[in-house]
């Protein structure tokens, strides 16, 4: 039987979610009824927001683990560092969660067509393919290309010595 290794919390807090996506957009999407949340505080307190944030975090985990470059511990280290990458991760989590909430309210909507989520979906694809990496020293070191010499001690004038037999040498 396989062992699940996914996280149990989102990479974005409700306060960050309303910072990255205006609370009025969330207010229309969160309640399962047609009633709208009345304030930013009500949106942040809505338990549905946290569920959508967890779903967005799950999408991030799928992408980064598919690429095989990160573990759950790596992603959590980025969150606890509170640096620029942490903010980008939270923003990406909020955008993916907003797209998920949007499609929950309107099932005919394609989440990848939403402007706010296009960048997040593009980043997910790049993370999975290894075209973009999170700034962890081990990952950066592993992704650096290193020049490997073909000859350990190349002979002097190797190419000109070989070419002499075909073209001759001037002055001889």
N, C-alpha and C. Protein backbone atom coordinates (compact mmCIF):
# COMPACT_ATOMS: atom_id res chain seq x y z
N UNK A 1 0.84 -1.18 0.00
CA UNK A 1 0.00 0.00 0.00
C UNK A 1 0.89 1.24 0.00
N UNK A 2 0.53 2.22 -0.78
CA UNK A 2 1.32 3.46 -0.89
C UNK A 2 1.13 4.35 0.33
N UNK A 3 2.15 5.13 0.61
CA UNK A 3 2.11 6.06 1.74
C UNK A 3 1.90 7.47 1.22
N UNK A 4 0.79 8.12 1.59
CA UNK A 4 0.57 9.51 1.15
C UNK A 4 1.58 10.44 1.80
N UNK A 5 2.08 11.39 1.01
CA UNK A 5 3.06 12.34 1.55
C UNK A 5 2.62 13.78 1.36
N UNK A 6 1.37 14.01 1.07
CA UNK A 6 0.87 15.38 0.86
C UNK A 6 0.76 16.15 2.16
N UNK A 7 0.72 17.45 2.03
CA UNK A 7 0.60 18.31 3.19
C UNK A 7 -0.82 18.36 3.72
N UNK A 8 -0.99 18.98 4.86
CA UNK A 8 -2.32 19.09 5.48
C UNK A 8 -2.79 20.54 5.59
N UNK A 9 -1.95 21.46 5.17
CA UNK A 9 -2.33 22.87 5.26
C UNK A 9 -1.98 23.59 3.96
N UNK A 10 -2.60 24.72 3.77
CA UNK A 10 -2.36 25.52 2.57
C UNK A 10 -1.05 26.29 2.71
N UNK A 11 -0.54 26.77 1.59
CA UNK A 11 0.68 27.58 1.59
C UNK A 11 0.35 29.06 1.58
N UNK A 12 -0.90 29.37 1.84
CA UNK A 12 -1.39 30.75 1.84
C UNK A 12 -2.43 30.87 2.95
N UNK A 13 -2.33 31.90 3.75
CA UNK A 13 -3.32 32.13 4.80
C UNK A 13 -4.53 32.85 4.20
N UNK A 14 -5.67 32.80 4.86
CA UNK A 14 -6.82 33.57 4.35
C UNK A 14 -6.52 35.07 4.23
N UNK A 15 -5.72 35.61 5.15
CA UNK A 15 -5.35 37.03 5.06
C UNK A 15 -4.54 37.30 3.80
N UNK A 16 -3.63 36.39 3.46
CA UNK A 16 -2.86 36.56 2.23
C UNK A 16 -3.75 36.38 1.00
N UNK A 17 -4.71 35.48 1.09
CA UNK A 17 -5.60 35.23 -0.05
C UNK A 17 -6.36 36.49 -0.43
N UNK A 18 -6.84 37.25 0.55
CA UNK A 18 -7.57 38.48 0.22
C UNK A 18 -6.61 39.62 -0.14
N UNK A 19 -5.34 39.44 0.14
CA UNK A 19 -4.34 40.41 -0.30
C UNK A 19 -4.04 40.21 -1.80
N UNK A 20 -3.91 38.95 -2.20
CA UNK A 20 -3.56 38.64 -3.59
C UNK A 20 -4.77 38.69 -4.53
N UNK A 21 -5.94 38.30 -4.04
CA UNK A 21 -7.19 38.38 -4.82
C UNK A 21 -8.16 39.17 -3.95
N UNK A 22 -8.67 40.26 -4.46
CA UNK A 22 -9.53 41.15 -3.69
C UNK A 22 -10.68 40.39 -3.03
N UNK A 23 -10.96 40.75 -1.79
CA UNK A 23 -11.97 40.03 -1.02
C UNK A 23 -13.32 40.04 -1.69
N UNK A 24 -13.67 41.06 -2.47
CA UNK A 24 -14.98 41.12 -3.13
C UNK A 24 -15.14 40.00 -4.17
N UNK A 25 -14.02 39.62 -4.82
CA UNK A 25 -14.08 38.49 -5.75
C UNK A 25 -14.35 37.19 -4.99
N UNK A 26 -13.66 37.04 -3.86
CA UNK A 26 -13.90 35.86 -3.03
C UNK A 26 -15.32 35.86 -2.48
N UNK A 27 -15.81 37.04 -2.13
CA UNK A 27 -17.14 37.15 -1.50
C UNK A 27 -18.24 36.59 -2.39
N UNK A 28 -18.07 36.73 -3.69
CA UNK A 28 -19.08 36.21 -4.62
C UNK A 28 -18.98 34.69 -4.78
N UNK A 29 -17.81 34.13 -4.54
CA UNK A 29 -17.58 32.72 -4.84
C UNK A 29 -17.73 31.77 -3.65
N UNK A 30 -17.47 32.25 -2.46
CA UNK A 30 -17.37 31.34 -1.32
C UNK A 30 -18.68 30.76 -0.82
N UNK A 31 -19.70 31.56 -0.59
CA UNK A 31 -20.91 30.95 -0.02
C UNK A 31 -21.56 29.99 -1.02
N UNK A 32 -22.02 28.84 -0.54
CA UNK A 32 -22.69 27.91 -1.45
C UNK A 32 -24.05 28.42 -1.91
N UNK A 33 -24.56 29.44 -1.23
CA UNK A 33 -25.83 30.06 -1.65
C UNK A 33 -25.52 31.29 -2.49
N UNK A 34 -26.54 32.03 -2.87
CA UNK A 34 -26.34 33.24 -3.66
C UNK A 34 -26.06 34.46 -2.78
N UNK A 35 -26.01 34.26 -1.48
CA UNK A 35 -25.70 35.37 -0.57
C UNK A 35 -24.21 35.67 -0.66
N UNK A 36 -23.89 36.95 -0.55
CA UNK A 36 -22.51 37.40 -0.68
C UNK A 36 -21.94 37.69 0.70
N UNK A 37 -20.67 37.34 0.90
CA UNK A 37 -20.01 37.70 2.16
C UNK A 37 -19.95 39.22 2.25
N UNK A 38 -20.12 39.77 3.47
CA UNK A 38 -20.28 41.22 3.62
C UNK A 38 -18.99 41.99 3.83
N UNK A 39 -17.90 41.32 4.20
CA UNK A 39 -16.67 42.06 4.50
C UNK A 39 -15.46 41.16 4.28
N UNK A 40 -14.29 41.81 4.31
CA UNK A 40 -13.05 41.07 4.19
C UNK A 40 -12.89 40.10 5.35
N UNK A 41 -13.28 40.52 6.55
CA UNK A 41 -13.18 39.66 7.73
C UNK A 41 -14.08 38.44 7.58
N UNK A 42 -15.27 38.63 7.02
CA UNK A 42 -16.19 37.50 6.82
C UNK A 42 -15.63 36.52 5.79
N UNK A 43 -14.99 37.04 4.76
CA UNK A 43 -14.38 36.17 3.76
C UNK A 43 -13.26 35.36 4.39
N UNK A 44 -12.41 36.01 5.18
CA UNK A 44 -11.28 35.32 5.81
C UNK A 44 -11.74 34.27 6.82
N UNK A 45 -12.91 34.50 7.43
CA UNK A 45 -13.43 33.55 8.42
C UNK A 45 -14.21 32.41 7.78
N UNK A 46 -14.53 32.51 6.51
CA UNK A 46 -15.32 31.49 5.84
C UNK A 46 -14.52 30.19 5.74
N UNK A 47 -15.06 29.08 6.25
CA UNK A 47 -14.32 27.81 6.18
C UNK A 47 -14.12 27.31 4.74
N UNK A 48 -14.98 27.73 3.83
CA UNK A 48 -14.83 27.33 2.43
C UNK A 48 -13.53 27.88 1.83
N UNK A 49 -13.13 29.09 2.26
CA UNK A 49 -11.89 29.67 1.75
C UNK A 49 -10.71 28.78 2.08
N UNK A 50 -10.66 28.31 3.32
CA UNK A 50 -9.55 27.45 3.73
C UNK A 50 -9.55 26.15 2.93
N UNK A 51 -10.72 25.61 2.64
CA UNK A 51 -10.79 24.37 1.85
C UNK A 51 -10.29 24.61 0.42
N UNK A 52 -10.67 25.73 -0.17
CA UNK A 52 -10.18 26.04 -1.52
C UNK A 52 -8.68 26.29 -1.52
N UNK A 53 -8.16 26.92 -0.45
CA UNK A 53 -6.72 27.14 -0.34
C UNK A 53 -5.97 25.81 -0.24
N UNK A 54 -6.54 24.87 0.49
CA UNK A 54 -5.91 23.54 0.58
C UNK A 54 -5.93 22.85 -0.78
N UNK A 55 -7.02 23.02 -1.53
CA UNK A 55 -7.08 22.41 -2.85
C UNK A 55 -6.03 23.01 -3.78
N UNK A 56 -5.85 24.33 -3.72
CA UNK A 56 -4.80 24.97 -4.51
C UNK A 56 -3.41 24.49 -4.11
N UNK A 57 -3.20 24.28 -2.80
CA UNK A 57 -1.92 23.76 -2.31
C UNK A 57 -1.69 22.34 -2.85
N UNK A 58 -2.75 21.58 -2.95
CA UNK A 58 -2.63 20.23 -3.50
C UNK A 58 -2.17 20.25 -4.95
N UNK A 59 -2.68 21.20 -5.73
CA UNK A 59 -2.24 21.33 -7.12
C UNK A 59 -0.74 21.64 -7.19
N UNK A 60 -0.28 22.49 -6.29
CA UNK A 60 1.15 22.83 -6.25
C UNK A 60 1.97 21.58 -5.90
N UNK A 61 1.51 20.82 -4.93
CA UNK A 61 2.23 19.60 -4.54
C UNK A 61 2.29 18.61 -5.69
N UNK A 62 1.18 18.45 -6.41
CA UNK A 62 1.17 17.54 -7.56
C UNK A 62 2.24 17.94 -8.56
N UNK A 63 2.31 19.22 -8.87
CA UNK A 63 3.24 19.69 -9.90
C UNK A 63 4.70 19.53 -9.47
N UNK A 64 5.02 19.95 -8.26
CA UNK A 64 6.43 19.91 -7.86
C UNK A 64 6.91 18.50 -7.58
N UNK A 65 6.03 17.63 -7.14
CA UNK A 65 6.44 16.25 -6.91
C UNK A 65 6.50 15.46 -8.21
N UNK A 66 5.72 15.87 -9.18
CA UNK A 66 5.79 15.23 -10.50
C UNK A 66 7.18 15.44 -11.10
N UNK A 67 7.71 16.64 -10.94
CA UNK A 67 9.05 16.94 -11.45
C UNK A 67 10.14 16.21 -10.70
N UNK A 68 9.87 15.76 -9.47
CA UNK A 68 10.84 14.99 -8.70
C UNK A 68 11.97 15.81 -8.11
N UNK A 69 11.85 17.12 -8.11
CA UNK A 69 12.92 17.96 -7.59
C UNK A 69 12.71 18.36 -6.13
N UNK A 70 11.49 18.21 -5.65
CA UNK A 70 11.15 18.70 -4.32
C UNK A 70 10.45 17.64 -3.51
N UNK A 71 10.57 17.77 -2.21
CA UNK A 71 9.79 16.97 -1.27
C UNK A 71 8.84 17.93 -0.56
N UNK A 72 7.93 17.38 0.19
CA UNK A 72 7.01 18.21 0.97
C UNK A 72 7.79 19.08 1.96
N UNK A 73 8.86 18.55 2.50
CA UNK A 73 9.69 19.31 3.45
C UNK A 73 10.31 20.53 2.77
N UNK A 74 10.70 20.38 1.50
CA UNK A 74 11.27 21.51 0.75
C UNK A 74 10.25 22.65 0.62
N UNK A 75 9.04 22.29 0.26
CA UNK A 75 8.00 23.31 0.07
C UNK A 75 7.68 23.98 1.39
N UNK A 76 7.58 23.20 2.46
CA UNK A 76 7.30 23.78 3.77
C UNK A 76 8.44 24.67 4.25
N UNK A 77 9.67 24.35 3.86
CA UNK A 77 10.81 25.20 4.22
C UNK A 77 10.70 26.56 3.54
N UNK A 78 10.20 26.58 2.32
CA UNK A 78 10.01 27.85 1.62
C UNK A 78 8.96 28.70 2.33
N UNK A 79 7.89 28.06 2.78
CA UNK A 79 6.81 28.79 3.48
C UNK A 79 7.33 29.39 4.78
N UNK A 80 8.10 28.63 5.55
CA UNK A 80 8.56 29.12 6.86
C UNK A 80 9.68 30.15 6.74
N UNK A 81 10.34 30.21 5.60
CA UNK A 81 11.43 31.17 5.42
C UNK A 81 10.92 32.61 5.38
N UNK A 82 9.70 32.84 4.92
CA UNK A 82 9.09 34.16 4.85
C UNK A 82 9.84 35.12 3.94
N UNK A 83 10.44 34.60 2.89
CA UNK A 83 11.14 35.45 1.92
C UNK A 83 10.29 35.69 0.69
N UNK A 84 10.94 36.14 -0.37
CA UNK A 84 10.23 36.43 -1.61
C UNK A 84 9.60 35.19 -2.22
N UNK A 85 10.30 34.08 -2.17
CA UNK A 85 9.75 32.84 -2.73
C UNK A 85 8.51 32.40 -1.95
N UNK A 86 8.52 32.65 -0.67
CA UNK A 86 7.36 32.33 0.16
C UNK A 86 6.14 33.14 -0.28
N UNK A 87 6.36 34.40 -0.57
CA UNK A 87 5.25 35.26 -1.03
C UNK A 87 4.74 34.81 -2.39
N UNK A 88 5.66 34.41 -3.28
CA UNK A 88 5.24 33.94 -4.60
C UNK A 88 4.47 32.64 -4.49
N UNK A 89 4.92 31.76 -3.62
CA UNK A 89 4.22 30.50 -3.39
C UNK A 89 2.81 30.76 -2.86
N UNK A 90 2.68 31.70 -1.92
CA UNK A 90 1.36 32.05 -1.37
C UNK A 90 0.48 32.66 -2.45
N UNK A 91 1.05 33.52 -3.28
CA UNK A 91 0.28 34.13 -4.37
C UNK A 91 -0.21 33.08 -5.35
N UNK A 92 0.67 32.15 -5.69
CA UNK A 92 0.30 31.08 -6.61
C UNK A 92 -0.81 30.22 -6.00
N UNK A 93 -0.71 29.93 -4.72
CA UNK A 93 -1.73 29.16 -4.01
C UNK A 93 -3.07 29.89 -4.06
N UNK A 94 -3.06 31.20 -3.82
CA UNK A 94 -4.29 31.99 -3.84
C UNK A 94 -4.92 31.99 -5.24
N UNK A 95 -4.10 32.18 -6.26
CA UNK A 95 -4.63 32.22 -7.64
C UNK A 95 -5.22 30.88 -8.05
N UNK A 96 -4.54 29.79 -7.73
CA UNK A 96 -5.07 28.47 -8.05
C UNK A 96 -6.35 28.18 -7.28
N UNK A 97 -6.40 28.62 -6.04
CA UNK A 97 -7.58 28.41 -5.21
C UNK A 97 -8.76 29.23 -5.73
N UNK A 98 -8.48 30.44 -6.17
CA UNK A 98 -9.54 31.28 -6.72
C UNK A 98 -10.12 30.64 -7.98
N UNK A 99 -9.25 30.08 -8.83
CA UNK A 99 -9.72 29.40 -10.04
C UNK A 99 -10.57 28.19 -9.67
N UNK A 100 -10.16 27.46 -8.64
CA UNK A 100 -10.92 26.30 -8.19
C UNK A 100 -12.28 26.71 -7.64
N UNK A 101 -12.30 27.79 -6.85
CA UNK A 101 -13.57 28.29 -6.32
C UNK A 101 -14.48 28.77 -7.45
N UNK A 102 -13.88 29.39 -8.44
CA UNK A 102 -14.65 29.89 -9.58
C UNK A 102 -15.32 28.74 -10.34
N UNK A 103 -14.59 27.67 -10.55
CA UNK A 103 -15.17 26.53 -11.27
C UNK A 103 -16.17 25.77 -10.40
N UNK A 104 -16.03 25.85 -9.07
CA UNK A 104 -17.03 25.22 -8.20
C UNK A 104 -18.36 25.96 -8.30
N UNK A 105 -18.30 27.27 -8.46
CA UNK A 105 -19.52 28.07 -8.58
C UNK A 105 -20.09 27.99 -10.01
N UNK A 106 -19.18 27.89 -10.99
CA UNK A 106 -19.60 27.82 -12.39
C UNK A 106 -18.87 26.64 -13.05
N UNK A 107 -19.46 25.44 -13.01
CA UNK A 107 -18.77 24.25 -13.52
C UNK A 107 -18.41 24.29 -15.00
N UNK A 108 -19.05 25.14 -15.77
CA UNK A 108 -18.75 25.23 -17.19
C UNK A 108 -17.51 26.07 -17.49
N UNK A 109 -17.00 26.72 -16.46
CA UNK A 109 -15.84 27.59 -16.63
C UNK A 109 -14.56 26.76 -16.66
N UNK A 110 -13.66 27.10 -17.58
CA UNK A 110 -12.34 26.46 -17.63
C UNK A 110 -11.41 27.30 -16.76
N UNK A 111 -10.85 26.73 -15.69
CA UNK A 111 -10.02 27.53 -14.79
C UNK A 111 -8.78 28.12 -15.46
N UNK A 112 -8.30 27.49 -16.52
CA UNK A 112 -7.10 28.00 -17.18
C UNK A 112 -7.41 29.22 -18.06
N UNK A 113 -8.69 29.52 -18.26
CA UNK A 113 -9.06 30.71 -19.02
C UNK A 113 -9.16 31.95 -18.15
N UNK A 114 -9.11 31.79 -16.84
CA UNK A 114 -9.23 32.93 -15.93
C UNK A 114 -7.90 33.68 -15.89
N UNK A 115 -7.96 34.96 -16.11
CA UNK A 115 -6.75 35.77 -16.19
C UNK A 115 -5.90 35.65 -14.92
N UNK A 116 -6.53 35.70 -13.77
CA UNK A 116 -5.78 35.66 -12.52
C UNK A 116 -5.07 34.32 -12.31
N UNK A 117 -5.56 33.28 -12.95
CA UNK A 117 -4.98 31.96 -12.74
C UNK A 117 -4.04 31.52 -13.86
N UNK A 118 -4.05 32.21 -14.98
CA UNK A 118 -3.21 31.79 -16.11
C UNK A 118 -1.74 31.71 -15.73
N UNK A 119 -1.25 32.72 -15.05
CA UNK A 119 0.15 32.74 -14.64
C UNK A 119 0.45 31.59 -13.69
N UNK A 120 -0.45 31.34 -12.75
CA UNK A 120 -0.23 30.26 -11.78
C UNK A 120 -0.17 28.91 -12.48
N UNK A 121 -1.07 28.68 -13.43
CA UNK A 121 -1.05 27.40 -14.16
C UNK A 121 0.21 27.28 -15.01
N UNK A 122 0.66 28.39 -15.59
CA UNK A 122 1.89 28.38 -16.37
C UNK A 122 3.09 28.05 -15.47
N UNK A 123 3.13 28.64 -14.28
CA UNK A 123 4.22 28.36 -13.33
C UNK A 123 4.20 26.90 -12.88
N UNK A 124 2.99 26.35 -12.69
CA UNK A 124 2.90 24.93 -12.33
C UNK A 124 3.53 24.06 -13.39
N UNK A 125 3.21 24.34 -14.65
CA UNK A 125 3.79 23.56 -15.75
C UNK A 125 5.31 23.70 -15.78
N UNK A 126 5.81 24.92 -15.57
CA UNK A 126 7.26 25.14 -15.59
C UNK A 126 7.96 24.46 -14.41
N UNK A 127 7.32 24.45 -13.24
CA UNK A 127 7.89 23.77 -12.08
C UNK A 127 7.95 22.26 -12.32
N UNK A 128 6.88 21.72 -12.89
CA UNK A 128 6.85 20.28 -13.16
C UNK A 128 7.90 19.88 -14.18
N UNK A 129 8.13 20.76 -15.17
CA UNK A 129 9.10 20.45 -16.23
C UNK A 129 10.54 20.79 -15.83
N UNK A 130 10.72 21.48 -14.72
CA UNK A 130 12.06 21.86 -14.30
C UNK A 130 12.57 23.13 -14.97
N UNK A 131 11.69 23.83 -15.70
CA UNK A 131 12.09 25.08 -16.35
C UNK A 131 12.19 26.21 -15.34
N UNK A 132 11.52 26.06 -14.21
CA UNK A 132 11.59 27.02 -13.13
C UNK A 132 11.79 26.22 -11.85
N UNK A 133 12.57 26.76 -10.94
CA UNK A 133 12.84 26.06 -9.69
C UNK A 133 12.63 27.01 -8.52
N UNK A 134 12.33 26.41 -7.37
CA UNK A 134 12.26 27.20 -6.15
C UNK A 134 13.68 27.44 -5.67
N UNK A 135 13.93 28.57 -5.02
CA UNK A 135 15.30 28.90 -4.61
C UNK A 135 15.75 28.14 -3.36
N UNK A 136 16.03 26.88 -3.53
CA UNK A 136 16.65 26.07 -2.48
C UNK A 136 18.07 25.77 -2.94
N UNK A 137 19.04 25.94 -2.08
CA UNK A 137 20.43 25.84 -2.49
C UNK A 137 20.76 24.51 -3.16
N UNK A 138 20.24 23.43 -2.62
CA UNK A 138 20.54 22.11 -3.18
C UNK A 138 19.98 21.97 -4.59
N UNK A 139 18.81 22.52 -4.81
CA UNK A 139 18.18 22.43 -6.13
C UNK A 139 18.92 23.31 -7.12
N UNK A 140 19.32 24.49 -6.68
CA UNK A 140 20.08 25.39 -7.54
C UNK A 140 21.41 24.75 -7.93
N UNK A 141 22.10 24.17 -6.95
CA UNK A 141 23.38 23.51 -7.23
C UNK A 141 23.20 22.35 -8.20
N UNK A 142 22.15 21.58 -8.02
CA UNK A 142 21.92 20.41 -8.88
C UNK A 142 21.55 20.81 -10.30
N UNK A 143 20.97 21.99 -10.46
CA UNK A 143 20.51 22.39 -11.80
C UNK A 143 21.58 23.14 -12.59
N UNK A 144 22.71 23.44 -11.96
CA UNK A 144 23.77 24.15 -12.66
C UNK A 144 24.45 23.22 -13.66
N UNK A 145 24.70 23.74 -14.83
CA UNK A 145 25.42 22.94 -15.82
C UNK A 145 26.91 23.09 -15.58
N UNK A 146 27.62 22.01 -15.71
CA UNK A 146 29.07 22.01 -15.52
C UNK A 146 29.74 21.57 -16.80
N UNK A 147 30.80 22.26 -17.17
CA UNK A 147 31.55 21.88 -18.36
C UNK A 147 32.45 20.71 -18.02
N UNK A 148 32.40 19.68 -18.84
CA UNK A 148 33.25 18.51 -18.65
C UNK A 148 34.20 18.44 -19.83
N UNK A 149 35.52 18.54 -19.60
CA UNK A 149 36.45 18.48 -20.73
C UNK A 149 36.43 17.10 -21.38
N UNK A 150 36.53 17.08 -22.69
CA UNK A 150 36.53 15.82 -23.42
C UNK A 150 37.86 15.12 -23.25
N UNK A 151 38.96 15.86 -23.37
CA UNK A 151 40.29 15.31 -23.17
C UNK A 151 40.83 15.81 -21.85
N UNK A 152 41.41 14.92 -21.07
CA UNK A 152 41.98 15.37 -19.81
C UNK A 152 43.18 16.27 -20.05
N UNK A 153 44.05 15.89 -20.99
CA UNK A 153 45.20 16.71 -21.37
C UNK A 153 45.24 16.78 -22.89
N UNK A 154 44.52 17.74 -23.46
CA UNK A 154 44.49 17.79 -24.92
C UNK A 154 45.87 18.10 -25.48
N UNK A 155 46.27 17.38 -26.54
CA UNK A 155 47.58 17.65 -27.14
C UNK A 155 47.59 19.03 -27.79
N UNK A 156 48.75 19.70 -27.81
CA UNK A 156 48.82 21.02 -28.44
C UNK A 156 48.59 20.91 -29.94
N UNK A 157 47.89 21.87 -30.48
CA UNK A 157 47.63 21.96 -31.91
C UNK A 157 47.03 20.69 -32.50
N UNK A 158 46.14 20.07 -31.78
CA UNK A 158 45.55 18.82 -32.23
C UNK A 158 44.88 18.98 -33.59
N UNK A 159 44.10 20.03 -33.70
CA UNK A 159 43.34 20.20 -34.93
C UNK A 159 44.24 20.60 -36.10
N UNK A 160 45.22 21.47 -35.87
CA UNK A 160 46.08 21.89 -36.97
C UNK A 160 47.00 20.74 -37.41
N UNK A 161 47.42 19.87 -36.47
CA UNK A 161 48.24 18.72 -36.84
C UNK A 161 47.46 17.74 -37.70
N UNK A 162 46.19 17.55 -37.36
CA UNK A 162 45.37 16.64 -38.16
C UNK A 162 45.06 17.23 -39.53
N UNK A 163 44.85 18.50 -39.60
CA UNK A 163 44.48 19.14 -40.86
C UNK A 163 45.65 19.24 -41.82
N UNK A 164 46.89 19.21 -41.31
CA UNK A 164 48.07 19.37 -42.15
C UNK A 164 48.13 18.30 -43.25
N UNK A 165 47.75 17.08 -42.93
CA UNK A 165 47.86 16.03 -43.93
C UNK A 165 46.89 16.21 -45.09
N UNK A 166 45.79 16.96 -44.85
CA UNK A 166 44.82 17.20 -45.93
C UNK A 166 45.16 18.46 -46.73
N UNK A 167 45.67 19.47 -46.06
CA UNK A 167 45.86 20.74 -46.72
C UNK A 167 47.33 21.13 -46.89
N UNK A 168 48.23 20.40 -46.31
CA UNK A 168 49.64 20.79 -46.38
C UNK A 168 49.93 21.94 -45.45
N UNK A 169 51.19 22.41 -45.47
CA UNK A 169 51.54 23.55 -44.62
C UNK A 169 52.22 24.56 -45.50
N UNK A 170 51.84 25.76 -45.39
CA UNK A 170 52.45 26.83 -46.22
C UNK A 170 53.90 27.00 -45.83
N UNK A 171 54.69 27.23 -46.81
CA UNK A 171 56.11 27.48 -46.54
C UNK A 171 56.94 26.20 -46.55
N UNK A 172 56.35 25.07 -46.78
CA UNK A 172 57.14 23.83 -46.82
C UNK A 172 57.45 23.47 -48.22
